[in-house]
Amino acid sequence: MKTNKEKIAIVGANSILAQSLYEKIKDEFEVFQVYHIHTDKIEDVASCIQINDFLSFSDEFKAIYFFSSVISFQENIDSVRKIFETNVKLLLQISSNFKSAKIIHSSSVSVFGNPGSTITEKTPVNPLSSYAFSKLWAEKIIADHFGGGVNLRMSSLFGKQMNENTFLPKIISDALNKKEITIFGDGSRKQNYIEVKQAANYFYKALSYNGKMPLLAVGEKSFSNFELAQIIQKQVEGVAIRFLGEDFSTSFEYNNVETKKALTIEENFSFESALNQLIEWKGKQF
């Protein structure tokens, strides 16, 4: 049914971030949820459009969110090809097809490499993988896009239905299933996590941002692996924390005060409360 609402497309709609954003904007805009193959995370399938059908549209969009991404750190031909096809080529095609739409791109803090100091919006980029290079290439496409755009460099996302192949969901599952969390080294390595609703707010606010600065969508503070294990230990009764071997991985800390100022974001967010909600949800899956 046609409406008088402005149109927004979410490309890569079958993700927890896309669905959280959809809930924020669905009443304000006419939203097209664009998917590639899977729709298992999409509740409102009536608004779904397959990517090939979307690319044939001639509609005018206020904005297009680009969440589609192949995340892989394997440096083989097949992996690099997939990274390029989605992270770069598809974005370039959308930029060409929808010249007047503002494009809001989900980039990654991986573009910074391992700077060894607190990362801000002005930290020089130093991509160290094909994936990171693809995100930087995509940022250049956005910077050159006729209709304007925004690059949001995001840290690790967490929330209900998140992918199971990263550190945080793994240690939660181990706590629930094995009553044990294994941490490499002394657990001092710090990582940054942003909760899905918190991240969706950054992307919503980006609709009104017309600056050129790449933005940082990151959590309020970074947590060490041991701190994360302790939060989980308080929530899941009888969990033991075990230390194993050494961990030479880099710690990451951020300061995104310029992003918060640019997007007028005032946060009152409890990381521990959000993590406890994730633990409770995962506990119900077993």
C-alpha atoms as a PDB file:
ATOM      1  CA  MET A   1       0.000   0.000   0.000  1.00  0.00           C
ATOM      2  CA  LYS A   2       1.376   3.410  -0.988  1.00  0.00           C
ATOM      3  CA  THR A   3       1.922   6.005   1.720  1.00  0.00           C
ATOM      4  CA  ASN A   4       3.039   9.619   1.884  1.00  0.00           C
ATOM      5  CA  LYS A   5       5.944   8.680   4.120  1.00  0.00           C
ATOM      6  CA  GLU A   6       9.517   9.106   2.958  1.00  0.00           C
ATOM      7  CA  LYS A   7      11.159   5.872   1.867  1.00  0.00           C
ATOM      8  CA  ILE A   8      14.121   4.218   3.549  1.00  0.00           C
ATOM      9  CA  ALA A   9      15.816   0.959   2.567  1.00  0.00           C
ATOM     10  CA  ILE A  10      17.788  -1.294   4.882  1.00  0.00           C
ATOM     11  CA  VAL A  11      20.178  -3.422   2.823  1.00  0.00           C
ATOM     12  CA  GLY A  12      21.277  -6.444   4.820  1.00  0.00           C
ATOM     13  CA  ALA A  13      18.048  -6.568   6.798  1.00  0.00           C
ATOM     14  CA  ASN A  14      18.563 -10.075   8.165  1.00  0.00           C
ATOM     15  CA  SER A  15      20.711  -8.991  11.107  1.00  0.00           C
ATOM     16  CA  ILE A  16      20.067  -8.022  14.712  1.00  0.00           C
ATOM     17  CA  LEU A  17      21.234  -4.444  14.080  1.00  0.00           C
ATOM     18  CA  ALA A  18      18.998  -4.037  11.049  1.00  0.00           C
ATOM     19  CA  GLN A  19      16.003  -5.349  12.983  1.00  0.00           C
ATOM     20  CA  SER A  20      16.661  -3.067  15.943  1.00  0.00           C
ATOM     21  CA  LEU A  21      16.885  -0.075  13.595  1.00  0.00           C
ATOM     22  CA  TYR A  22      13.729  -1.188  11.781  1.00  0.00           C
ATOM     23  CA  GLU A  23      11.809  -1.088  15.067  1.00  0.00           C
ATOM     24  CA  LYS A  24      12.953   2.520  15.591  1.00  0.00           C
ATOM     25  CA  ILE A  25      11.985   3.830  12.148  1.00  0.00           C
ATOM     26  CA  LYS A  26       9.094   1.681  10.899  1.00  0.00           C
ATOM     27  CA  ASP A  27       6.381   4.081  12.097  1.00  0.00           C
ATOM     28  CA  GLU A  28       8.143   7.192  10.836  1.00  0.00           C
ATOM     29  CA  PHE A  29       9.110   5.997   7.355  1.00  0.00           C
ATOM     30  CA  GLU A  30       8.079   3.545   4.653  1.00  0.00           C
ATOM     31  CA  VAL A  31      10.813   0.956   5.124  1.00  0.00           C
ATOM     32  CA  PHE A  32      12.004  -1.617   2.586  1.00  0.00           C
ATOM     33  CA  GLN A  33      13.879  -4.511   4.180  1.00  0.00           C
ATOM     34  CA  VAL A  34      16.347  -5.773   1.591  1.00  0.00           C
ATOM     35  CA  TYR A  35      17.749  -9.278   2.018  1.00  0.00           C
ATOM     36  CA  HIS A  36      20.091 -11.538   0.061  1.00  0.00           C
ATOM     37  CA  ILE A  37      19.035 -15.117   0.871  1.00  0.00           C
ATOM     38  CA  HIS A  38      17.920 -15.503   4.493  1.00  0.00           C
ATOM     39  CA  THR A  39      14.998 -13.880   6.314  1.00  0.00           C
ATOM     40  CA  ASP A  40      14.999 -15.849   9.582  1.00  0.00           C
ATOM     41  CA  LYS A  41      15.650 -12.760  11.761  1.00  0.00           C
ATOM     42  CA  ILE A  42      13.016 -10.627   9.988  1.00  0.00           C
ATOM     43  CA  GLU A  43       9.583 -10.579  11.645  1.00  0.00           C
ATOM     44  CA  ASP A  44       7.791  -8.234   9.236  1.00  0.00           C
ATOM     45  CA  VAL A  45       8.354 -10.235   6.052  1.00  0.00           C
ATOM     46  CA  ALA A  46       5.697  -8.204   4.229  1.00  0.00           C
ATOM     47  CA  SER A  47       8.226  -5.366   3.879  1.00  0.00           C
ATOM     48  CA  CYS A  48      10.976  -7.634   2.494  1.00  0.00           C
ATOM     49  CA  ILE A  49      12.558  -7.156  -0.918  1.00  0.00           C
ATOM     50  CA  GLN A  50      15.167  -9.490  -2.422  1.00  0.00           C
ATOM     51  CA  ILE A  51      18.371  -7.657  -3.357  1.00  0.00           C
ATOM     52  CA  ASN A  52      18.117  -8.300  -7.108  1.00  0.00           C
ATOM     53  CA  ASP A  53      14.564  -6.927  -7.176  1.00  0.00           C
ATOM     54  CA  PHE A  54      15.657  -3.909  -5.137  1.00  0.00           C
ATOM     55  CA  LEU A  55      18.457  -3.092  -7.561  1.00  0.00           C
ATOM     56  CA  SER A  56      15.890  -2.822 -10.374  1.00  0.00           C
ATOM     57  CA  PHE A  57      13.906  -0.144  -8.513  1.00  0.00           C
ATOM     58  CA  SER A  58      13.668   3.396  -9.805  1.00  0.00           C
ATOM     59  CA  ASP A  59      12.149   4.703  -6.559  1.00  0.00           C
ATOM     60  CA  GLU A  60      13.494   7.761  -4.779  1.00  0.00           C
ATOM     61  CA  PHE A  61      14.781   6.999  -1.264  1.00  0.00           C
ATOM     62  CA  LYS A  62      15.512   9.452   1.510  1.00  0.00           C
ATOM     63  CA  ALA A  63      18.240   7.138   2.774  1.00  0.00           C
ATOM     64  CA  ILE A  64      19.682   3.675   2.298  1.00  0.00           C
ATOM     65  CA  TYR A  65      21.312   1.850   5.190  1.00  0.00           C
ATOM     66  CA  PHE A  66      24.048  -0.509   4.076  1.00  0.00           C
ATOM     67  CA  PHE A  67      24.525  -3.296   6.642  1.00  0.00           C
ATOM     68  CA  SER A  68      25.465  -6.074   4.210  1.00  0.00           C
ATOM     69  CA  SER A  69      28.949  -7.316   5.002  1.00  0.00           C
ATOM     70  CA  VAL A  70      31.141 -10.356   4.600  1.00  0.00           C
ATOM     71  CA  ILE A  71      33.295 -10.535   7.728  1.00  0.00           C
ATOM     72  CA  SER A  72      36.255 -12.811   7.186  1.00  0.00           C
ATOM     73  CA  PHE A  73      39.927 -12.633   8.091  1.00  0.00           C
ATOM     74  CA  GLN A  74      40.962 -15.508   5.856  1.00  0.00           C
ATOM     75  CA  GLU A  75      43.288 -14.336   3.120  1.00  0.00           C
ATOM     76  CA  ASN A  76      42.500 -16.884   0.418  1.00  0.00           C
ATOM     77  CA  ILE A  77      41.090 -16.224  -3.054  1.00  0.00           C
ATOM     78  CA  ASP A  78      37.555 -17.350  -2.284  1.00  0.00           C
ATOM     79  CA  SER A  79      37.312 -15.311   0.904  1.00  0.00           C
ATOM     80  CA  VAL A  80      38.723 -12.143  -0.652  1.00  0.00           C
ATOM     81  CA  ARG A  81      36.383 -12.505  -3.635  1.00  0.00           C
ATOM     82  CA  LYS A  82      33.337 -12.728  -1.354  1.00  0.00           C
ATOM     83  CA  ILE A  83      34.530  -9.753   0.678  1.00  0.00           C
ATOM     84  CA  PHE A  84      34.932  -7.638  -2.462  1.00  0.00           C
ATOM     85  CA  GLU A  85      31.625  -8.723  -4.040  1.00  0.00           C
ATOM     86  CA  THR A  86      29.549  -7.640  -1.042  1.00  0.00           C
ATOM     87  CA  ASN A  87      31.512  -5.024   0.882  1.00  0.00           C
ATOM     88  CA  VAL A  88      32.667  -3.060  -2.158  1.00  0.00           C
ATOM     89  CA  LYS A  89      31.016  -4.017  -5.445  1.00  0.00           C
ATOM     90  CA  LEU A  90      27.436  -4.206  -4.121  1.00  0.00           C
ATOM     91  CA  LEU A  91      27.806  -0.878  -2.332  1.00  0.00           C
ATOM     92  CA  LEU A  92      29.174   0.731  -5.479  1.00  0.00           C
ATOM     93  CA  GLN A  93      26.217  -0.611  -7.458  1.00  0.00           C
ATOM     94  CA  ILE A  94      23.764   0.840  -4.928  1.00  0.00           C
ATOM     95  CA  SER A  95      25.584   4.175  -5.058  1.00  0.00           C
ATOM     96  CA  SER A  96      25.268   4.141  -8.851  1.00  0.00           C
ATOM     97  CA  ASN A  97      21.609   3.050  -8.918  1.00  0.00           C
ATOM     98  CA  PHE A  98      20.361   5.419  -6.208  1.00  0.00           C
ATOM     99  CA  LYS A  99      22.379   8.584  -6.759  1.00  0.00           C
ATOM    100  CA  SER A 100      20.161  10.960  -4.783  1.00  0.00           C
ATOM    101  CA  ALA A 101      19.724   8.800  -1.662  1.00  0.00           C
ATOM    102  CA  LYS A 102      21.824   9.389   1.409  1.00  0.00           C
ATOM    103  CA  ILE A 103      23.757   6.190   2.198  1.00  0.00           C
ATOM    104  CA  ILE A 104      24.554   5.306   5.813  1.00  0.00           C
ATOM    105  CA  HIS A 105      27.278   2.685   5.901  1.00  0.00           C
ATOM    106  CA  SER A 106      28.132   0.296   8.715  1.00  0.00           C
ATOM    107  CA  SER A 107      31.920   0.347   8.694  1.00  0.00           C
ATOM    108  CA  SER A 108      34.291  -1.217  11.225  1.00  0.00           C
ATOM    109  CA  VAL A 109      36.919  -0.174  13.761  1.00  0.00           C
ATOM    110  CA  SER A 110      39.165  -2.723  12.012  1.00  0.00           C
ATOM    111  CA  VAL A 111      40.208   0.113   9.664  1.00  0.00           C
ATOM    112  CA  PHE A 112      42.426   1.426  12.498  1.00  0.00           C
ATOM    113  CA  GLY A 113      44.551  -1.703  12.760  1.00  0.00           C
ATOM    114  CA  ASN A 114      46.405  -1.872  16.098  1.00  0.00           C
ATOM    115  CA  PRO A 115      47.321   1.733  16.957  1.00  0.00           C
ATOM    116  CA  GLY A 116      48.410   0.965  20.534  1.00  0.00           C
ATOM    117  CA  SER A 117      46.640   4.013  21.982  1.00  0.00           C
ATOM    118  CA  THR A 118      43.096   5.233  22.617  1.00  0.00           C
ATOM    119  CA  ILE A 119      41.219   5.387  19.323  1.00  0.00           C
ATOM    120  CA  THR A 120      39.276   8.535  18.432  1.00  0.00           C
ATOM    121  CA  GLU A 121      37.608   9.796  15.290  1.00  0.00           C
ATOM    122  CA  LYS A 122      40.948  11.349  14.256  1.00  0.00           C
ATOM    123  CA  THR A 123      43.125   8.258  14.736  1.00  0.00           C
ATOM    124  CA  PRO A 124      44.949   7.467  11.445  1.00  0.00           C
ATOM    125  CA  VAL A 125      43.676   4.396   9.631  1.00  0.00           C
ATOM    126  CA  ASN A 126      45.952   1.375   9.160  1.00  0.00           C
ATOM    127  CA  PRO A 127      43.977  -1.594   7.776  1.00  0.00           C
ATOM    128  CA  LEU A 128      45.767  -4.915   8.274  1.00  0.00           C
ATOM    129  CA  SER A 129      43.461  -7.347   6.459  1.00  0.00           C
ATOM    130  CA  SER A 130      41.490  -7.621   3.229  1.00  0.00           C
ATOM    131  CA  TYR A 131      38.322  -7.203   5.281  1.00  0.00           C
ATOM    132  CA  ALA A 132      39.608  -3.966   6.836  1.00  0.00           C
ATOM    133  CA  PHE A 133      40.751  -2.697   3.423  1.00  0.00           C
ATOM    134  CA  SER A 134      37.282  -3.453   2.013  1.00  0.00           C
ATOM    135  CA  LYS A 135      35.687  -1.308   4.700  1.00  0.00           C
ATOM    136  CA  LEU A 136      38.040   1.559   3.958  1.00  0.00           C
ATOM    137  CA  TRP A 137      37.314   1.199   0.221  1.00  0.00           C
ATOM    138  CA  ALA A 138      33.587   1.258   1.026  1.00  0.00           C
ATOM    139  CA  GLU A 139      34.097   4.428   3.070  1.00  0.00           C
ATOM    140  CA  LYS A 140      35.646   6.064  -0.001  1.00  0.00           C
ATOM    141  CA  ILE A 141      32.559   5.117  -2.042  1.00  0.00           C
ATOM    142  CA  ILE A 142      30.377   6.785   0.579  1.00  0.00           C
ATOM    143  CA  ALA A 143      32.578   9.887   0.667  1.00  0.00           C
ATOM    144  CA  ASP A 144      32.226  10.243  -3.116  1.00  0.00           C
ATOM    145  CA  HIS A 145      28.520   9.364  -3.291  1.00  0.00           C
ATOM    146  CA  PHE A 146      26.460  12.052  -5.040  1.00  0.00           C
ATOM    147  CA  GLY A 147      23.643  12.024  -2.464  1.00  0.00           C
ATOM    148  CA  GLY A 148      25.982  12.205   0.502  1.00  0.00           C
ATOM    149  CA  GLY A 149      26.532   9.647   3.187  1.00  0.00           C
ATOM    150  CA  VAL A 150      27.809   8.703   6.594  1.00  0.00           C
ATOM    151  CA  ASN A 151      30.405   6.143   7.674  1.00  0.00           C
ATOM    152  CA  LEU A 152      29.966   4.725  11.167  1.00  0.00           C
ATOM    153  CA  ARG A 153      32.905   2.668  12.379  1.00  0.00           C
ATOM    154  CA  MET A 154      31.434   0.141  14.779  1.00  0.00           C
ATOM    155  CA  SER A 155      33.029  -2.056  17.442  1.00  0.00           C
ATOM    156  CA  SER A 156      31.802  -5.547  18.412  1.00  0.00           C
ATOM    157  CA  LEU A 157      28.014  -5.777  18.467  1.00  0.00           C
ATOM    158  CA  PHE A 158      26.123  -7.813  21.040  1.00  0.00           C
ATOM    159  CA  GLY A 159      22.488  -8.627  21.733  1.00  0.00           C
ATOM    160  CA  LYS A 160      19.860 -11.323  21.455  1.00  0.00           C
ATOM    161  CA  GLN A 161      20.275 -13.619  18.419  1.00  0.00           C
ATOM    162  CA  MET A 162      23.872 -12.477  17.884  1.00  0.00           C
ATOM    163  CA  ASN A 163      26.247 -14.749  15.980  1.00  0.00           C
ATOM    164  CA  GLU A 164      27.775 -17.466  18.115  1.00  0.00           C
ATOM    165  CA  ASN A 165      31.316 -17.409  16.713  1.00  0.00           C
ATOM    166  CA  THR A 166      32.857 -14.615  18.798  1.00  0.00           C
ATOM    167  CA  PHE A 167      34.381 -14.438  22.283  1.00  0.00           C
ATOM    168  CA  LEU A 168      31.430 -13.036  24.225  1.00  0.00           C
ATOM    169  CA  PRO A 169      28.699 -15.532  23.212  1.00  0.00           C
ATOM    170  CA  LYS A 170      31.210 -18.384  23.501  1.00  0.00           C
ATOM    171  CA  ILE A 171      32.064 -17.697  27.130  1.00  0.00           C
ATOM    172  CA  ILE A 172      28.379 -17.206  27.977  1.00  0.00           C
ATOM    173  CA  SER A 173      27.582 -20.590  26.420  1.00  0.00           C
ATOM    174  CA  ASP A 174      30.478 -22.211  28.292  1.00  0.00           C
ATOM    175  CA  ALA A 175      29.239 -20.706  31.555  1.00  0.00           C
ATOM    176  CA  LEU A 176      25.723 -22.019  30.985  1.00  0.00           C
ATOM    177  CA  ASN A 177      26.704 -25.445  29.613  1.00  0.00           C
ATOM    178  CA  LYS A 178      29.990 -26.283  31.298  1.00  0.00           C
ATOM    179  CA  LYS A 179      29.919 -24.042  34.370  1.00  0.00           C
ATOM    180  CA  GLU A 180      33.384 -22.901  33.354  1.00  0.00           C
ATOM    181  CA  ILE A 181      34.926 -19.960  31.501  1.00  0.00           C
ATOM    182  CA  THR A 182      38.391 -20.306  30.027  1.00  0.00           C
ATOM    183  CA  ILE A 183      40.420 -17.128  29.512  1.00  0.00           C
ATOM    184  CA  PHE A 184      43.763 -16.992  27.756  1.00  0.00           C
ATOM    185  CA  GLY A 185      46.563 -15.204  29.555  1.00  0.00           C
ATOM    186  CA  ASP A 186      45.710 -13.174  32.645  1.00  0.00           C
ATOM    187  CA  GLY A 187      42.461 -11.851  31.154  1.00  0.00           C
ATOM    188  CA  SER A 188      43.703  -8.259  30.989  1.00  0.00           C
ATOM    189  CA  ARG A 189      43.069  -7.852  27.263  1.00  0.00           C
ATOM    190  CA  LYS A 190      40.390  -5.176  26.740  1.00  0.00           C
ATOM    191  CA  GLN A 191      37.738  -5.224  24.031  1.00  0.00           C
ATOM    192  CA  ASN A 192      34.872  -2.903  23.235  1.00  0.00           C
ATOM    193  CA  TYR A 193      31.253  -3.966  22.823  1.00  0.00           C
ATOM    194  CA  ILE A 194      28.195  -1.982  21.780  1.00  0.00           C
ATOM    195  CA  GLU A 195      24.698  -3.266  22.531  1.00  0.00           C
ATOM    196  CA  VAL A 196      22.403  -3.583  19.521  1.00  0.00           C
ATOM    197  CA  LYS A 197      19.801  -0.999  20.630  1.00  0.00           C
ATOM    198  CA  GLN A 198      22.569   1.423  21.521  1.00  0.00           C
ATOM    199  CA  ALA A 199      24.096   0.907  18.062  1.00  0.00           C
ATOM    200  CA  ALA A 200      20.723   1.340  16.341  1.00  0.00           C
ATOM    201  CA  ASN A 201      20.381   4.742  18.007  1.00  0.00           C
ATOM    202  CA  TYR A 202      23.691   5.859  16.480  1.00  0.00           C
ATOM    203  CA  PHE A 203      22.498   4.803  13.026  1.00  0.00           C
ATOM    204  CA  TYR A 204      19.123   6.500  13.522  1.00  0.00           C
ATOM    205  CA  LYS A 205      20.803   9.744  14.567  1.00  0.00           C
ATOM    206  CA  ALA A 206      23.050   9.536  11.495  1.00  0.00           C
ATOM    207  CA  LEU A 207      20.006  10.332   9.344  1.00  0.00           C
ATOM    208  CA  SER A 208      20.325  13.953  10.437  1.00  0.00           C
ATOM    209  CA  TYR A 209      24.118  14.167  10.228  1.00  0.00           C
ATOM    210  CA  ASN A 210      25.551  15.946   7.194  1.00  0.00           C
ATOM    211  CA  GLY A 211      29.203  16.205   8.177  1.00  0.00           C
ATOM    212  CA  LYS A 212      32.135  14.467   6.523  1.00  0.00           C
ATOM    213  CA  MET A 213      33.853  12.997   9.601  1.00  0.00           C
ATOM    214  CA  PRO A 214      33.773   9.195   9.912  1.00  0.00           C
ATOM    215  CA  LEU A 215      31.966   8.453  13.165  1.00  0.00           C
ATOM    216  CA  LEU A 216      32.617   5.979  15.976  1.00  0.00           C
ATOM    217  CA  ALA A 217      29.736   3.784  17.156  1.00  0.00           C
ATOM    218  CA  VAL A 218      31.349   2.176  20.193  1.00  0.00           C
ATOM    219  CA  GLY A 219      30.490   1.256  23.773  1.00  0.00           C
ATOM    220  CA  GLU A 220      30.986   3.620  26.708  1.00  0.00           C
ATOM    221  CA  LYS A 221      34.118   1.791  27.864  1.00  0.00           C
ATOM    222  CA  SER A 222      36.180  -1.261  27.057  1.00  0.00           C
ATOM    223  CA  PHE A 223      36.121  -4.294  29.325  1.00  0.00           C
ATOM    224  CA  SER A 224      38.859  -6.793  30.002  1.00  0.00           C
ATOM    225  CA  ASN A 225      38.134 -10.449  29.345  1.00  0.00           C
ATOM    226  CA  PHE A 226      38.405 -11.086  33.078  1.00  0.00           C
ATOM    227  CA  GLU A 227      35.856  -8.341  33.842  1.00  0.00           C
ATOM    228  CA  LEU A 228      33.436  -9.920  31.373  1.00  0.00           C
ATOM    229  CA  ALA A 229      33.949 -13.325  32.975  1.00  0.00           C
ATOM    230  CA  GLN A 230      33.258 -11.852  36.427  1.00  0.00           C
ATOM    231  CA  ILE A 231      29.981 -10.259  35.262  1.00  0.00           C
ATOM    232  CA  ILE A 232      28.875 -13.599  33.823  1.00  0.00           C
ATOM    233  CA  GLN A 233      30.016 -15.411  36.982  1.00  0.00           C
ATOM    234  CA  LYS A 234      27.746 -13.186  39.088  1.00  0.00           C
ATOM    235  CA  GLN A 235      24.786 -13.975  36.840  1.00  0.00           C
ATOM    236  CA  VAL A 236      25.310 -17.729  36.386  1.00  0.00           C
ATOM    237  CA  GLU A 237      25.623 -19.638  39.644  1.00  0.00           C
ATOM    238  CA  GLY A 238      28.542 -22.037  40.151  1.00  0.00           C
ATOM    239  CA  VAL A 239      30.769 -20.854  37.292  1.00  0.00           C
ATOM    240  CA  ALA A 240      34.544 -21.206  37.652  1.00  0.00           C
ATOM    241  CA  ILE A 241      37.026 -18.984  35.782  1.00  0.00           C
ATOM    242  CA  ARG A 242      40.104 -20.770  34.423  1.00  0.00           C
ATOM    243  CA  PHE A 243      43.230 -19.149  32.989  1.00  0.00           C
ATOM    244  CA  LEU A 244      45.167 -20.851  30.206  1.00  0.00           C
ATOM    245  CA  GLY A 245      48.388 -20.062  28.372  1.00  0.00           C
ATOM    246  CA  GLU A 246      49.182 -16.544  27.181  1.00  0.00           C
ATOM    247  CA  ASP A 247      47.336 -13.876  25.243  1.00  0.00           C
ATOM    248  CA  PHE A 248      49.380 -11.454  23.162  1.00  0.00           C
ATOM    249  CA  SER A 249      46.349  -9.870  21.486  1.00  0.00           C
ATOM    250  CA  THR A 250      46.039  -6.094  21.432  1.00  0.00           C
ATOM    251  CA  SER A 251      43.725  -4.245  23.798  1.00  0.00           C
ATOM    252  CA  PHE A 252      41.406  -1.607  22.334  1.00  0.00           C
ATOM    253  CA  GLU A 253      40.028   1.503  24.012  1.00  0.00           C
ATOM    254  CA  TYR A 254      38.009   4.321  22.439  1.00  0.00           C
ATOM    255  CA  ASN A 255      36.920   7.892  22.990  1.00  0.00           C
ATOM    256  CA  ASN A 256      34.013   8.903  20.735  1.00  0.00           C
ATOM    257  CA  VAL A 257      33.112  12.238  22.334  1.00  0.00           C
ATOM    258  CA  GLU A 258      33.174  13.967  18.920  1.00  0.00           C
ATOM    259  CA  THR A 259      30.659  11.474  17.521  1.00  0.00           C
ATOM    260  CA  LYS A 260      28.317  11.946  20.464  1.00  0.00           C
ATOM    261  CA  LYS A 261      28.526  15.695  20.004  1.00  0.00           C
ATOM    262  CA  ALA A 262      27.905  15.462  16.251  1.00  0.00           C
ATOM    263  CA  LEU A 263      24.881  13.165  16.687  1.00  0.00           C
ATOM    264  CA  THR A 264      23.611  14.803  19.909  1.00  0.00           C
ATOM    265  CA  ILE A 265      23.713  11.470  21.736  1.00  0.00           C
ATOM    266  CA  GLU A 266      23.201  11.570  25.486  1.00  0.00           C
ATOM    267  CA  GLU A 267      23.558   8.088  26.906  1.00  0.00           C
ATOM    268  CA  ASN A 268      22.481   6.602  30.187  1.00  0.00           C
ATOM    269  CA  PHE A 269      23.439   3.046  29.390  1.00  0.00           C
ATOM    270  CA  SER A 270      24.284   0.111  31.649  1.00  0.00           C
ATOM    271  CA  PHE A 271      26.561  -2.393  29.917  1.00  0.00           C
ATOM    272  CA  GLU A 272      26.241  -4.876  32.774  1.00  0.00           C
ATOM    273  CA  SER A 273      22.431  -4.756  32.660  1.00  0.00           C
ATOM    274  CA  ALA A 274      22.430  -5.338  28.874  1.00  0.00           C
ATOM    275  CA  LEU A 275      24.894  -8.224  29.231  1.00  0.00           C
ATOM    276  CA  ASN A 276      22.757  -9.792  31.952  1.00  0.00           C
ATOM    277  CA  GLN A 277      19.734  -9.620  29.637  1.00  0.00           C
ATOM    278  CA  LEU A 278      21.733 -11.448  26.952  1.00  0.00           C
ATOM    279  CA  ILE A 279      22.756 -14.113  29.471  1.00  0.00           C
ATOM    280  CA  GLU A 280      19.124 -14.600  30.556  1.00  0.00           C
ATOM    281  CA  TRP A 281      18.006 -14.904  26.937  1.00  0.00           C
ATOM    282  CA  LYS A 282      20.734 -17.412  26.087  1.00  0.00           C
ATOM    283  CA  GLY A 283      19.854 -19.412  29.198  1.00  0.00           C
ATOM    284  CA  LYS A 284      16.337 -19.889  27.860  1.00  0.00           C
ATOM    285  CA  GLN A 285      17.703 -21.380  24.627  1.00  0.00           C
ATOM    286  CA  PHE A 286      19.169 -24.407  26.375  1.00  0.00           C
END
